[in-house]
N, C-alpha and C. Protein backbone atom coordinates (compact mmCIF):
# COMPACT_ATOMS: atom_id res chain seq x y z
N MET A 1 0.84 -1.21 0.00
CA MET A 1 0.00 0.00 0.00
C MET A 1 0.87 1.25 0.00
N ILE A 2 1.93 1.25 0.81
CA ILE A 2 2.83 2.39 0.87
C ILE A 2 3.50 2.63 -0.47
N MET A 3 3.97 1.56 -1.12
CA MET A 3 4.62 1.68 -2.44
C MET A 3 3.65 2.24 -3.48
N LYS A 4 2.38 1.86 -3.38
CA LYS A 4 1.39 2.32 -4.35
C LYS A 4 1.16 3.82 -4.20
N ASN A 5 1.12 4.28 -2.95
CA ASN A 5 0.92 5.70 -2.70
C ASN A 5 2.08 6.51 -3.26
N ARG A 6 3.28 6.00 -3.12
CA ARG A 6 4.44 6.69 -3.65
C ARG A 6 4.40 6.73 -5.17
N LYS A 7 3.92 5.68 -5.78
CA LYS A 7 3.84 5.61 -7.23
C LYS A 7 2.78 6.57 -7.76
N ASP A 8 1.66 6.70 -7.03
CA ASP A 8 0.59 7.58 -7.48
C ASP A 8 0.93 9.05 -7.29
N ASN A 9 1.88 9.37 -6.42
CA ASN A 9 2.23 10.76 -6.15
C ASN A 9 3.18 11.28 -7.22
N LYS A 10 2.59 11.75 -8.35
CA LYS A 10 3.40 12.18 -9.50
C LYS A 10 3.74 13.67 -9.46
N GLY A 11 3.14 14.42 -8.49
CA GLY A 11 3.39 15.85 -8.44
C GLY A 11 2.52 16.61 -9.43
N ILE A 12 2.81 17.88 -9.64
CA ILE A 12 2.04 18.74 -10.53
C ILE A 12 2.60 18.63 -11.95
N SER A 13 1.74 18.37 -12.88
CA SER A 13 2.18 18.27 -14.26
C SER A 13 2.35 19.66 -14.86
N LEU A 14 3.00 19.76 -16.01
CA LEU A 14 3.23 21.04 -16.69
C LEU A 14 1.90 21.70 -17.07
N ILE A 15 0.96 20.89 -17.52
CA ILE A 15 -0.35 21.43 -17.91
C ILE A 15 -1.06 22.03 -16.70
N GLU A 16 -1.01 21.31 -15.57
CA GLU A 16 -1.64 21.82 -14.36
C GLU A 16 -0.99 23.13 -13.90
N LEU A 17 0.33 23.21 -14.04
CA LEU A 17 1.05 24.42 -13.65
C LEU A 17 0.63 25.60 -14.54
N ILE A 18 0.51 25.33 -15.83
CA ILE A 18 0.09 26.39 -16.76
C ILE A 18 -1.32 26.87 -16.42
N ILE A 19 -2.20 25.94 -16.07
CA ILE A 19 -3.57 26.31 -15.70
C ILE A 19 -3.57 27.19 -14.45
N VAL A 20 -2.77 26.81 -13.46
CA VAL A 20 -2.69 27.60 -12.23
C VAL A 20 -2.18 29.01 -12.52
N ILE A 21 -1.13 29.12 -13.36
CA ILE A 21 -0.57 30.44 -13.72
C ILE A 21 -1.60 31.28 -14.46
N ALA A 22 -2.35 30.62 -15.36
CA ALA A 22 -3.38 31.33 -16.13
C ALA A 22 -4.47 31.87 -15.20
N ILE A 23 -4.89 31.06 -14.24
CA ILE A 23 -5.91 31.49 -13.28
C ILE A 23 -5.41 32.68 -12.46
N MET A 24 -4.16 32.59 -12.02
CA MET A 24 -3.57 33.68 -11.24
C MET A 24 -3.50 34.97 -12.06
N ALA A 25 -3.16 34.85 -13.33
CA ALA A 25 -3.08 36.02 -14.21
C ALA A 25 -4.45 36.66 -14.38
N ILE A 26 -5.47 35.84 -14.54
CA ILE A 26 -6.84 36.35 -14.69
C ILE A 26 -7.28 37.07 -13.41
N LEU A 27 -7.01 36.45 -12.27
CA LEU A 27 -7.39 37.06 -11.00
C LEU A 27 -6.66 38.38 -10.78
N THR A 28 -5.37 38.41 -11.15
CA THR A 28 -4.60 39.64 -11.01
C THR A 28 -5.17 40.75 -11.88
N GLY A 29 -5.52 40.37 -13.12
CA GLY A 29 -6.09 41.36 -14.04
C GLY A 29 -7.42 41.91 -13.56
N VAL A 30 -8.19 41.08 -12.87
CA VAL A 30 -9.51 41.51 -12.37
C VAL A 30 -9.38 42.30 -11.08
N LEU A 31 -8.53 41.82 -10.16
CA LEU A 31 -8.45 42.41 -8.83
C LEU A 31 -7.59 43.67 -8.76
N THR A 32 -6.57 43.76 -9.60
CA THR A 32 -5.67 44.92 -9.53
C THR A 32 -6.39 46.24 -9.74
N PRO A 33 -7.22 46.40 -10.79
CA PRO A 33 -7.95 47.68 -10.95
C PRO A 33 -8.84 47.99 -9.75
N MET A 34 -9.47 46.96 -9.19
CA MET A 34 -10.34 47.17 -8.02
C MET A 34 -9.51 47.62 -6.83
N PHE A 35 -8.34 47.03 -6.66
CA PHE A 35 -7.46 47.38 -5.55
C PHE A 35 -6.95 48.81 -5.71
N MET A 36 -6.55 49.19 -6.93
CA MET A 36 -6.06 50.55 -7.18
C MET A 36 -7.17 51.57 -6.96
N LYS A 37 -8.39 51.22 -7.37
CA LYS A 37 -9.52 52.12 -7.15
C LYS A 37 -9.77 52.31 -5.66
N TYR A 38 -9.62 51.25 -4.89
CA TYR A 38 -9.79 51.34 -3.44
C TYR A 38 -8.71 52.24 -2.84
N ILE A 39 -7.48 52.10 -3.30
CA ILE A 39 -6.39 52.94 -2.80
C ILE A 39 -6.65 54.41 -3.10
N ASP A 40 -7.07 54.70 -4.34
CA ASP A 40 -7.38 56.08 -4.72
C ASP A 40 -8.50 56.65 -3.86
N LYS A 41 -9.53 55.85 -3.64
CA LYS A 41 -10.67 56.30 -2.83
C LYS A 41 -10.22 56.61 -1.40
N THR A 42 -9.33 55.78 -0.86
CA THR A 42 -8.83 55.99 0.49
C THR A 42 -8.01 57.28 0.57
N LYS A 43 -7.18 57.52 -0.44
CA LYS A 43 -6.38 58.75 -0.47
C LYS A 43 -7.26 59.98 -0.54
N LYS A 44 -8.30 59.92 -1.36
CA LYS A 44 -9.22 61.06 -1.49
C LYS A 44 -9.93 61.32 -0.16
N ALA A 45 -10.37 60.26 0.49
CA ALA A 45 -11.07 60.41 1.76
C ALA A 45 -10.16 61.04 2.82
N LYS A 46 -8.89 60.66 2.81
CA LYS A 46 -7.94 61.25 3.75
C LYS A 46 -7.77 62.74 3.50
N ASP A 47 -7.74 63.13 2.23
CA ASP A 47 -7.58 64.55 1.89
C ASP A 47 -8.80 65.36 2.29
N VAL A 48 -9.98 64.81 2.08
CA VAL A 48 -11.21 65.51 2.48
C VAL A 48 -11.22 65.69 4.00
N TYR A 49 -10.82 64.66 4.71
CA TYR A 49 -10.74 64.75 6.18
C TYR A 49 -9.73 65.80 6.61
N MET A 50 -8.56 65.83 5.96
CA MET A 50 -7.55 66.81 6.32
C MET A 50 -8.02 68.23 6.05
N ALA A 51 -8.74 68.44 4.93
CA ALA A 51 -9.27 69.76 4.63
C ALA A 51 -10.22 70.22 5.72
N ASP A 52 -11.03 69.30 6.22
CA ASP A 52 -11.95 69.62 7.30
C ASP A 52 -11.19 70.01 8.57
N GLN A 53 -10.09 69.31 8.85
CA GLN A 53 -9.28 69.62 10.02
C GLN A 53 -8.59 70.97 9.89
N ILE A 54 -8.13 71.30 8.68
CA ILE A 54 -7.51 72.60 8.44
C ILE A 54 -8.52 73.72 8.67
N ALA A 55 -9.72 73.54 8.12
CA ALA A 55 -10.77 74.55 8.29
C ALA A 55 -11.10 74.74 9.77
N ARG A 56 -11.16 73.63 10.50
CA ARG A 56 -11.42 73.70 11.94
C ARG A 56 -10.32 74.48 12.65
N ALA A 57 -9.06 74.20 12.29
CA ALA A 57 -7.94 74.88 12.93
C ALA A 57 -7.94 76.38 12.63
N VAL A 58 -8.28 76.75 11.40
CA VAL A 58 -8.32 78.17 11.04
C VAL A 58 -9.42 78.87 11.82
N ASN A 59 -10.57 78.25 11.95
CA ASN A 59 -11.67 78.87 12.69
C ASN A 59 -11.32 79.05 14.16
N ILE A 60 -10.60 78.10 14.73
CA ILE A 60 -10.13 78.24 16.10
C ILE A 60 -9.15 79.40 16.19
N ALA A 61 -8.27 79.50 15.19
CA ALA A 61 -7.30 80.60 15.16
C ALA A 61 -8.00 81.95 15.07
N PHE A 62 -9.06 82.02 14.29
CA PHE A 62 -9.83 83.26 14.18
C PHE A 62 -10.43 83.67 15.53
N VAL A 63 -10.90 82.69 16.28
CA VAL A 63 -11.49 82.97 17.58
C VAL A 63 -10.42 83.47 18.54
N GLU A 64 -9.25 82.85 18.50
CA GLU A 64 -8.17 83.22 19.41
C GLU A 64 -7.47 84.49 18.99
N ASN A 65 -7.59 84.85 17.71
CA ASN A 65 -6.88 86.02 17.19
C ASN A 65 -7.83 86.88 16.37
N PRO A 66 -8.62 87.73 17.05
CA PRO A 66 -9.59 88.58 16.34
C PRO A 66 -8.93 89.47 15.27
N GLU A 67 -7.69 89.87 15.51
CA GLU A 67 -6.97 90.68 14.54
C GLU A 67 -6.80 89.91 13.23
N ALA A 68 -6.52 88.64 13.35
CA ALA A 68 -6.35 87.81 12.16
C ALA A 68 -7.66 87.68 11.40
N TYR A 69 -8.75 87.49 12.14
CA TYR A 69 -10.04 87.38 11.47
C TYR A 69 -10.40 88.67 10.74
N ASP A 70 -10.14 89.80 11.36
CA ASP A 70 -10.41 91.08 10.72
C ASP A 70 -9.57 91.25 9.46
N ALA A 71 -8.30 90.82 9.53
CA ALA A 71 -7.43 90.91 8.37
C ALA A 71 -7.95 90.04 7.23
N PHE A 72 -8.40 88.83 7.57
CA PHE A 72 -8.96 87.93 6.57
C PHE A 72 -10.22 88.53 5.95
N ARG A 73 -11.11 89.04 6.79
CA ARG A 73 -12.38 89.59 6.32
C ARG A 73 -12.17 90.78 5.40
N ASN A 74 -11.15 91.58 5.69
CA ASN A 74 -10.91 92.80 4.91
C ASN A 74 -9.95 92.60 3.75
N TRP A 75 -9.43 91.40 3.60
CA TRP A 75 -8.42 91.13 2.57
C TRP A 75 -9.02 91.18 1.17
N ASN A 76 -8.54 92.07 0.32
CA ASN A 76 -9.04 92.19 -1.06
C ASN A 76 -7.93 92.65 -2.00
N ASN A 77 -6.76 92.07 -1.85
CA ASN A 77 -5.60 92.42 -2.66
C ASN A 77 -5.70 91.75 -4.03
N ALA A 78 -5.91 92.55 -5.06
CA ALA A 78 -6.10 92.02 -6.41
C ALA A 78 -4.86 91.31 -6.95
N SER A 79 -3.71 91.58 -6.37
CA SER A 79 -2.47 90.97 -6.88
C SER A 79 -2.39 89.48 -6.54
N VAL A 80 -3.23 89.01 -5.62
CA VAL A 80 -3.24 87.58 -5.28
C VAL A 80 -4.64 87.02 -5.52
N LEU A 81 -5.26 87.45 -6.61
CA LEU A 81 -6.58 86.98 -6.99
C LEU A 81 -6.44 85.89 -8.04
N ALA A 82 -7.11 84.75 -7.84
CA ALA A 82 -6.98 83.61 -8.75
C ALA A 82 -8.33 83.19 -9.30
N ASN A 83 -8.39 82.84 -10.57
CA ASN A 83 -9.58 82.25 -11.18
C ASN A 83 -9.56 80.75 -10.91
N VAL A 84 -10.63 80.24 -10.32
CA VAL A 84 -10.69 78.81 -9.98
C VAL A 84 -11.96 78.19 -10.54
N THR A 85 -11.94 76.86 -10.65
CA THR A 85 -13.10 76.11 -11.14
C THR A 85 -13.30 74.88 -10.26
N ALA A 86 -14.51 74.70 -9.79
CA ALA A 86 -14.85 73.52 -9.00
C ALA A 86 -16.06 72.84 -9.62
N THR A 87 -16.13 71.53 -9.50
CA THR A 87 -17.27 70.76 -10.00
C THR A 87 -17.95 70.10 -8.81
N TYR A 88 -19.21 70.46 -8.58
CA TYR A 88 -19.93 69.93 -7.44
C TYR A 88 -21.30 69.43 -7.88
N ASN A 89 -21.55 68.13 -7.63
CA ASN A 89 -22.79 67.49 -8.07
C ASN A 89 -23.01 67.67 -9.58
N GLY A 90 -21.91 67.59 -10.32
CA GLY A 90 -21.98 67.70 -11.77
C GLY A 90 -22.09 69.11 -12.30
N GLU A 91 -22.18 70.08 -11.42
CA GLU A 91 -22.31 71.47 -11.84
C GLU A 91 -20.96 72.17 -11.80
N ASN A 92 -20.61 72.83 -12.89
CA ASN A 92 -19.35 73.55 -12.97
C ASN A 92 -19.49 74.91 -12.30
N GLN A 93 -18.58 75.20 -11.37
CA GLN A 93 -18.61 76.47 -10.66
C GLN A 93 -17.31 77.22 -10.90
N ALA A 94 -17.41 78.42 -11.42
CA ALA A 94 -16.23 79.24 -11.71
C ALA A 94 -16.35 80.56 -10.96
N TYR A 95 -15.31 80.91 -10.23
CA TYR A 95 -15.32 82.17 -9.49
C TYR A 95 -13.87 82.56 -9.18
N GLN A 96 -13.70 83.60 -8.40
CA GLN A 96 -12.37 84.07 -8.05
C GLN A 96 -12.14 83.98 -6.55
N VAL A 97 -10.90 83.71 -6.19
CA VAL A 97 -10.54 83.64 -4.77
C VAL A 97 -9.25 84.43 -4.54
N TYR A 98 -9.14 84.97 -3.34
CA TYR A 98 -7.89 85.58 -2.90
C TYR A 98 -7.02 84.50 -2.29
N LEU A 99 -5.76 84.47 -2.69
CA LEU A 99 -4.83 83.48 -2.14
C LEU A 99 -4.33 83.99 -0.80
N VAL A 100 -4.81 83.38 0.26
CA VAL A 100 -4.55 83.89 1.60
C VAL A 100 -3.32 83.24 2.24
N ALA A 101 -3.29 81.92 2.28
CA ALA A 101 -2.20 81.25 2.97
C ALA A 101 -1.96 79.87 2.40
N SER A 102 -0.71 79.42 2.49
CA SER A 102 -0.31 78.10 2.01
C SER A 102 0.47 77.40 3.11
N ASN A 103 0.54 76.07 3.03
CA ASN A 103 1.35 75.36 4.00
C ASN A 103 2.78 75.20 3.51
N GLY A 104 3.22 76.11 2.67
CA GLY A 104 4.63 76.15 2.30
C GLY A 104 4.99 75.23 1.17
N THR A 105 6.07 74.50 1.34
CA THR A 105 6.64 73.72 0.27
C THR A 105 7.03 72.34 0.75
N GLN A 106 7.08 71.41 -0.19
CA GLN A 106 7.57 70.07 0.14
C GLN A 106 9.07 69.94 -0.14
N ASP A 107 9.72 71.04 -0.51
CA ASP A 107 11.15 71.05 -0.77
C ASP A 107 11.89 70.78 0.54
N THR A 108 12.64 69.68 0.57
CA THR A 108 13.33 69.30 1.81
C THR A 108 14.43 70.27 2.19
N ASN A 109 14.80 71.19 1.28
CA ASN A 109 15.82 72.18 1.60
C ASN A 109 15.23 73.35 2.40
N ARG A 110 13.89 73.44 2.42
CA ARG A 110 13.23 74.48 3.20
C ARG A 110 13.03 74.01 4.63
N ILE A 111 12.71 74.95 5.51
CA ILE A 111 12.61 74.59 6.93
C ILE A 111 11.42 73.70 7.22
N SER A 112 10.31 73.91 6.51
CA SER A 112 9.11 73.18 6.91
C SER A 112 8.04 73.29 5.84
N ASN A 113 7.03 72.45 5.94
CA ASN A 113 5.83 72.66 5.12
C ASN A 113 4.61 72.84 6.03
N CYS A 114 4.86 73.34 7.24
CA CYS A 114 3.76 73.75 8.09
C CYS A 114 3.18 75.04 7.52
N PHE A 115 2.06 75.50 8.06
CA PHE A 115 1.52 76.78 7.63
C PHE A 115 2.38 77.89 8.22
N ASN A 116 2.92 78.74 7.34
CA ASN A 116 3.73 79.85 7.81
C ASN A 116 3.45 81.09 6.97
N GLY A 117 4.20 82.17 7.20
CA GLY A 117 3.91 83.48 6.62
C GLY A 117 3.54 83.47 5.15
N GLY A 118 2.26 83.62 4.85
CA GLY A 118 1.78 83.67 3.47
C GLY A 118 1.52 85.09 3.03
N GLU A 119 0.53 85.29 2.17
CA GLU A 119 0.26 86.62 1.64
C GLU A 119 -0.21 87.60 2.71
N ILE A 120 -1.03 87.13 3.63
CA ILE A 120 -1.52 88.03 4.67
C ILE A 120 -0.57 88.01 5.86
N LYS A 121 -0.18 89.19 6.29
CA LYS A 121 0.62 89.30 7.51
C LYS A 121 -0.37 89.59 8.64
N PHE A 122 -0.81 88.57 9.32
CA PHE A 122 -1.93 88.69 10.24
C PHE A 122 -1.63 89.52 11.48
N SER A 123 -0.41 89.51 11.92
CA SER A 123 -0.10 90.29 13.12
C SER A 123 1.38 90.60 13.16
N LYS A 124 1.75 91.59 13.97
CA LYS A 124 3.15 91.99 14.07
C LYS A 124 4.02 90.86 14.59
N THR A 125 3.42 89.96 15.35
CA THR A 125 4.21 88.87 15.94
C THR A 125 4.38 87.69 14.99
N ASN A 126 3.80 87.79 13.80
CA ASN A 126 3.85 86.65 12.90
C ASN A 126 4.43 87.00 11.53
N ARG A 127 5.01 88.15 11.38
CA ARG A 127 5.52 88.57 10.08
C ARG A 127 6.87 87.92 9.79
N GLY A 128 6.89 87.12 8.75
CA GLY A 128 8.13 86.49 8.33
C GLY A 128 8.61 85.42 9.28
N LYS A 129 7.74 84.94 10.16
CA LYS A 129 8.15 83.93 11.12
C LYS A 129 8.00 82.52 10.54
N ASP A 130 8.35 81.54 11.34
CA ASP A 130 8.38 80.16 10.86
C ASP A 130 7.08 79.41 11.11
N GLY A 131 6.06 80.10 11.59
CA GLY A 131 4.80 79.43 11.84
C GLY A 131 4.62 78.97 13.27
N SER A 132 5.48 79.44 14.18
CA SER A 132 5.40 79.01 15.57
C SER A 132 4.58 79.97 16.42
N ASP A 133 4.21 81.14 15.89
CA ASP A 133 3.42 82.09 16.67
C ASP A 133 2.35 82.73 15.80
N GLY A 134 1.60 83.66 16.38
CA GLY A 134 0.56 84.33 15.63
C GLY A 134 -0.53 83.38 15.15
N LEU A 135 -1.23 83.77 14.11
CA LEU A 135 -2.31 82.95 13.57
C LEU A 135 -1.81 81.58 13.14
N TYR A 136 -0.66 81.55 12.44
CA TYR A 136 -0.16 80.28 11.94
C TYR A 136 0.24 79.34 13.08
N GLY A 137 0.73 79.93 14.17
CA GLY A 137 1.08 79.11 15.32
C GLY A 137 -0.13 78.37 15.86
N VAL A 138 -1.28 79.06 15.91
CA VAL A 138 -2.51 78.42 16.37
C VAL A 138 -2.91 77.30 15.42
N ILE A 139 -2.88 77.58 14.11
CA ILE A 139 -3.25 76.57 13.12
C ILE A 139 -2.36 75.35 13.23
N ASN A 140 -1.05 75.58 13.28
CA ASN A 140 -0.11 74.46 13.33
C ASN A 140 -0.25 73.64 14.61
N ARG A 141 -0.48 74.31 15.72
CA ARG A 141 -0.66 73.57 16.97
C ARG A 141 -1.92 72.73 16.93
N GLU A 142 -3.00 73.28 16.39
CA GLU A 142 -4.24 72.53 16.28
C GLU A 142 -4.09 71.31 15.38
N LEU A 143 -3.25 71.43 14.36
CA LEU A 143 -3.03 70.32 13.42
C LEU A 143 -1.91 69.39 13.88
N GLY A 144 -1.24 69.76 14.97
CA GLY A 144 -0.15 68.93 15.47
C GLY A 144 1.09 68.99 14.60
N LEU A 145 1.33 70.13 13.93
CA LEU A 145 2.47 70.25 13.02
C LEU A 145 3.69 70.83 13.73
N ASP A 146 4.84 70.28 13.41
CA ASP A 146 6.11 70.75 13.94
C ASP A 146 6.67 71.81 12.99
N THR A 147 7.05 72.97 13.52
CA THR A 147 7.54 74.06 12.67
C THR A 147 9.04 73.98 12.40
N THR A 148 9.68 72.93 12.86
CA THR A 148 11.13 72.82 12.67
C THR A 148 11.53 71.67 11.75
N LYS A 149 10.55 71.00 11.16
CA LYS A 149 10.89 69.89 10.29
C LYS A 149 9.83 69.74 9.19
N ILE A 150 10.13 68.93 8.20
CA ILE A 150 9.18 68.64 7.14
C ILE A 150 8.06 67.78 7.72
N ASN A 151 6.82 68.22 7.54
CA ASN A 151 5.67 67.50 8.06
C ASN A 151 5.03 66.69 6.94
N GLN A 152 5.46 65.49 6.78
CA GLN A 152 4.98 64.66 5.67
C GLN A 152 3.47 64.39 5.76
N GLU A 153 2.91 64.39 6.96
CA GLU A 153 1.51 64.06 7.11
C GLU A 153 0.58 65.11 6.53
N ILE A 154 1.08 66.33 6.27
CA ILE A 154 0.23 67.39 5.76
C ILE A 154 0.18 67.40 4.23
N ILE A 155 1.03 66.61 3.59
CA ILE A 155 1.05 66.57 2.13
C ILE A 155 -0.21 65.87 1.62
N PRO A 156 -0.92 66.45 0.64
CA PRO A 156 -2.11 65.78 0.08
C PRO A 156 -1.77 64.37 -0.40
N ASN A 157 -2.68 63.43 -0.16
CA ASN A 157 -2.45 62.03 -0.51
C ASN A 157 -2.72 61.74 -1.97
N TYR A 158 -3.68 62.46 -2.55
CA TYR A 158 -4.08 62.18 -3.94
C TYR A 158 -3.53 63.28 -4.85
N PRO A 159 -2.42 63.01 -5.53
CA PRO A 159 -1.73 64.06 -6.30
C PRO A 159 -2.28 64.25 -7.71
N ALA A 160 -3.55 64.63 -7.83
CA ALA A 160 -4.19 64.72 -9.14
C ALA A 160 -3.81 65.99 -9.90
N LYS A 161 -3.88 65.90 -11.22
CA LYS A 161 -3.71 67.07 -12.08
C LYS A 161 -5.06 67.45 -12.66
N ARG A 162 -5.23 68.71 -13.02
CA ARG A 162 -6.45 69.14 -13.70
C ARG A 162 -6.03 69.86 -14.98
N GLU A 163 -6.37 69.27 -16.11
CA GLU A 163 -6.01 69.86 -17.39
C GLU A 163 -6.64 71.25 -17.51
N GLY A 164 -5.83 72.21 -17.89
CA GLY A 164 -6.32 73.57 -18.04
C GLY A 164 -6.17 74.41 -16.80
N ALA A 165 -5.75 73.78 -15.69
CA ALA A 165 -5.59 74.52 -14.45
C ALA A 165 -4.23 75.21 -14.42
N GLY A 166 -4.17 76.30 -13.73
CA GLY A 166 -2.90 77.00 -13.61
C GLY A 166 -3.03 78.48 -13.88
N PRO A 167 -1.99 79.21 -13.65
CA PRO A 167 -2.05 80.67 -13.72
C PRO A 167 -2.14 81.25 -15.12
N LYS A 168 -1.64 80.53 -16.13
CA LYS A 168 -1.68 81.09 -17.47
C LYS A 168 -1.56 79.98 -18.51
N PRO A 169 -2.07 80.21 -19.72
CA PRO A 169 -1.99 79.19 -20.77
C PRO A 169 -0.54 78.81 -21.07
N GLY A 170 -0.34 77.54 -21.32
CA GLY A 170 0.99 77.06 -21.68
C GLY A 170 1.84 76.65 -20.51
N LYS A 171 1.40 76.97 -19.29
CA LYS A 171 2.19 76.57 -18.13
C LYS A 171 1.91 75.11 -17.82
N PRO A 172 2.94 74.31 -17.57
CA PRO A 172 2.74 72.89 -17.31
C PRO A 172 1.82 72.66 -16.12
N TYR A 173 0.99 71.62 -16.21
CA TYR A 173 0.10 71.27 -15.12
C TYR A 173 0.81 70.29 -14.21
N GLU A 174 0.93 70.65 -12.96
CA GLU A 174 1.68 69.84 -12.01
C GLU A 174 0.73 69.15 -11.03
N GLU A 175 1.22 68.10 -10.42
CA GLU A 175 0.43 67.42 -9.41
C GLU A 175 0.35 68.27 -8.15
N VAL A 176 -0.79 68.20 -7.47
CA VAL A 176 -0.95 68.98 -6.24
C VAL A 176 -0.02 68.44 -5.17
N ASP A 177 0.50 69.34 -4.34
CA ASP A 177 1.41 68.90 -3.28
C ASP A 177 1.30 69.74 -2.02
N ARG A 178 0.28 70.61 -1.94
CA ARG A 178 0.14 71.47 -0.77
C ARG A 178 -1.30 71.95 -0.62
N TRP A 179 -1.52 72.66 0.48
CA TRP A 179 -2.86 73.16 0.80
C TRP A 179 -2.91 74.67 0.68
N ARG A 180 -4.09 75.16 0.34
CA ARG A 180 -4.32 76.60 0.23
C ARG A 180 -5.55 77.00 1.04
N ILE A 181 -5.40 78.03 1.85
CA ILE A 181 -6.53 78.68 2.50
C ILE A 181 -6.85 79.90 1.65
N VAL A 182 -8.08 79.97 1.15
CA VAL A 182 -8.45 81.07 0.27
C VAL A 182 -9.72 81.76 0.77
N LYS A 183 -9.96 82.95 0.23
CA LYS A 183 -11.19 83.69 0.52
C LYS A 183 -11.90 83.99 -0.79
N ARG A 184 -13.17 83.62 -0.89
CA ARG A 184 -13.93 83.89 -2.10
C ARG A 184 -14.18 85.38 -2.26
N LYS A 185 -14.01 85.86 -3.49
CA LYS A 185 -14.24 87.27 -3.75
C LYS A 185 -15.73 87.62 -3.69
N ASP A 186 -16.59 86.69 -4.14
CA ASP A 186 -18.02 87.01 -4.26
C ASP A 186 -18.76 87.05 -2.93
N ASN A 187 -18.39 86.17 -1.99
CA ASN A 187 -19.14 86.14 -0.74
C ASN A 187 -18.28 86.22 0.51
N GLY A 188 -16.94 86.29 0.33
CA GLY A 188 -16.04 86.45 1.46
C GLY A 188 -15.82 85.21 2.31
N MET A 189 -16.36 84.06 1.87
CA MET A 189 -16.24 82.84 2.66
C MET A 189 -14.87 82.19 2.50
N MET A 190 -14.42 81.53 3.56
CA MET A 190 -13.17 80.79 3.51
C MET A 190 -13.37 79.44 2.81
N GLU A 191 -12.36 79.00 2.07
CA GLU A 191 -12.36 77.67 1.46
C GLU A 191 -10.97 77.06 1.60
N ILE A 192 -10.92 75.74 1.54
CA ILE A 192 -9.65 75.01 1.59
C ILE A 192 -9.48 74.26 0.27
N TRP A 193 -8.36 74.48 -0.40
CA TRP A 193 -8.06 73.86 -1.69
C TRP A 193 -6.74 73.10 -1.62
N VAL A 194 -6.61 72.07 -2.48
CA VAL A 194 -5.29 71.49 -2.72
C VAL A 194 -4.72 72.21 -3.94
N SER A 195 -3.40 72.40 -3.93
CA SER A 195 -2.78 73.26 -4.93
C SER A 195 -1.55 72.64 -5.55
N GLN A 196 -1.26 73.09 -6.77
CA GLN A 196 -0.01 72.70 -7.41
C GLN A 196 1.07 73.69 -6.97
N PRO A 197 2.35 73.37 -7.17
CA PRO A 197 3.43 74.13 -6.56
C PRO A 197 3.50 75.62 -6.89
N ASN A 198 3.27 76.02 -8.13
CA ASN A 198 3.53 77.40 -8.50
C ASN A 198 2.30 78.10 -9.04
N PRO A 199 2.23 79.39 -9.02
CA PRO A 199 3.21 80.32 -8.46
C PRO A 199 2.80 80.76 -7.06
N SER A 200 3.61 81.60 -6.45
CA SER A 200 3.29 82.25 -5.17
C SER A 200 2.80 81.27 -4.12
N GLY A 201 3.48 80.15 -3.99
CA GLY A 201 3.15 79.22 -2.93
C GLY A 201 2.07 78.21 -3.23
N GLY A 202 1.55 78.20 -4.45
CA GLY A 202 0.57 77.18 -4.79
C GLY A 202 -0.65 77.71 -5.49
N TRP A 203 -1.00 77.12 -6.63
CA TRP A 203 -2.17 77.53 -7.39
C TRP A 203 -3.33 76.58 -7.09
N PRO A 204 -4.49 77.08 -6.62
CA PRO A 204 -5.61 76.21 -6.24
C PRO A 204 -6.12 75.37 -7.42
N ILE A 205 -6.24 74.06 -7.20
CA ILE A 205 -6.66 73.15 -8.27
C ILE A 205 -7.99 72.45 -7.95
N TYR A 206 -8.13 71.93 -6.72
CA TYR A 206 -9.37 71.24 -6.34
C TYR A 206 -9.86 71.76 -4.99
N ARG A 207 -11.14 72.11 -4.92
CA ARG A 207 -11.73 72.52 -3.65
C ARG A 207 -12.08 71.27 -2.83
N LEU A 208 -11.67 71.29 -1.57
CA LEU A 208 -11.98 70.16 -0.70
C LEU A 208 -12.83 70.54 0.51
N TRP A 209 -12.93 71.84 0.79
CA TRP A 209 -13.78 72.29 1.89
C TRP A 209 -14.27 73.69 1.61
N PRO A 210 -15.57 73.98 1.77
CA PRO A 210 -16.63 72.98 1.93
C PRO A 210 -17.01 72.39 0.57
N ASN A 211 -17.90 71.44 0.53
CA ASN A 211 -18.38 70.86 -0.71
C ASN A 211 -17.24 70.41 -1.62
N PRO A 212 -16.59 69.28 -1.30
CA PRO A 212 -15.45 68.81 -2.10
C PRO A 212 -15.78 68.62 -3.57
N ASP A 213 -14.80 68.85 -4.40
CA ASP A 213 -14.93 68.63 -5.84
C ASP A 213 -15.37 67.20 -6.11
N ASP A 214 -16.14 67.01 -7.17
CA ASP A 214 -16.67 65.68 -7.50
C ASP A 214 -15.58 64.63 -7.63
N LEU A 215 -14.39 65.02 -8.05
CA LEU A 215 -13.29 64.06 -8.18
C LEU A 215 -13.05 63.33 -6.87
N TYR A 216 -13.28 64.00 -5.76
CA TYR A 216 -12.96 63.44 -4.45
C TYR A 216 -14.11 62.69 -3.80
N THR A 217 -15.28 62.73 -4.41
CA THR A 217 -16.44 62.08 -3.80
C THR A 217 -17.07 60.99 -4.67
N ASN A 218 -16.68 60.93 -5.95
CA ASN A 218 -17.26 59.93 -6.87
C ASN A 218 -16.36 58.70 -6.97
């Protein structure tokens, strides 16, 4: 009986191996797109959550620093006015925003990518500083950001491009890599956008707060 069992144990034949490989290839082809879609969806959800946290931190900063809120409310500098486009529930929305603040740069040669001195100089104690005091200090503390190192957790997770986006025709479209706090020209409301690197600290590409762009919810 033992000898018979050894004789019957022929192992996997070449045909069986080919069948197994073929099945694995089919499964990979089917599951990989689904897996990538899941990863993209997770990245988008993280960005929407982060935008909500940034908005919360800014509102707390406004409460703690009335001077900053007044500066934001009165800000109407045409030199930092940007044309933006958002798509919400299939509806195209085009308007203008003032570029108020950015979380800096992902360039490792710079001190940080926390929120620091942007277009608005909110207070005398925060002009040209590293983001450790003034309005930006409140924002960074609320977000748990360190002002002395690169904060990788603040970088947008979904680095999408938008064809036609950018400051002027012919300029290359880059992947988003930072956040923008902006003020709408038409109603004065604050919004949070993800932005591409240039110019002036980041050009708004996708609105994530409030009412995230359809790209981030579909």
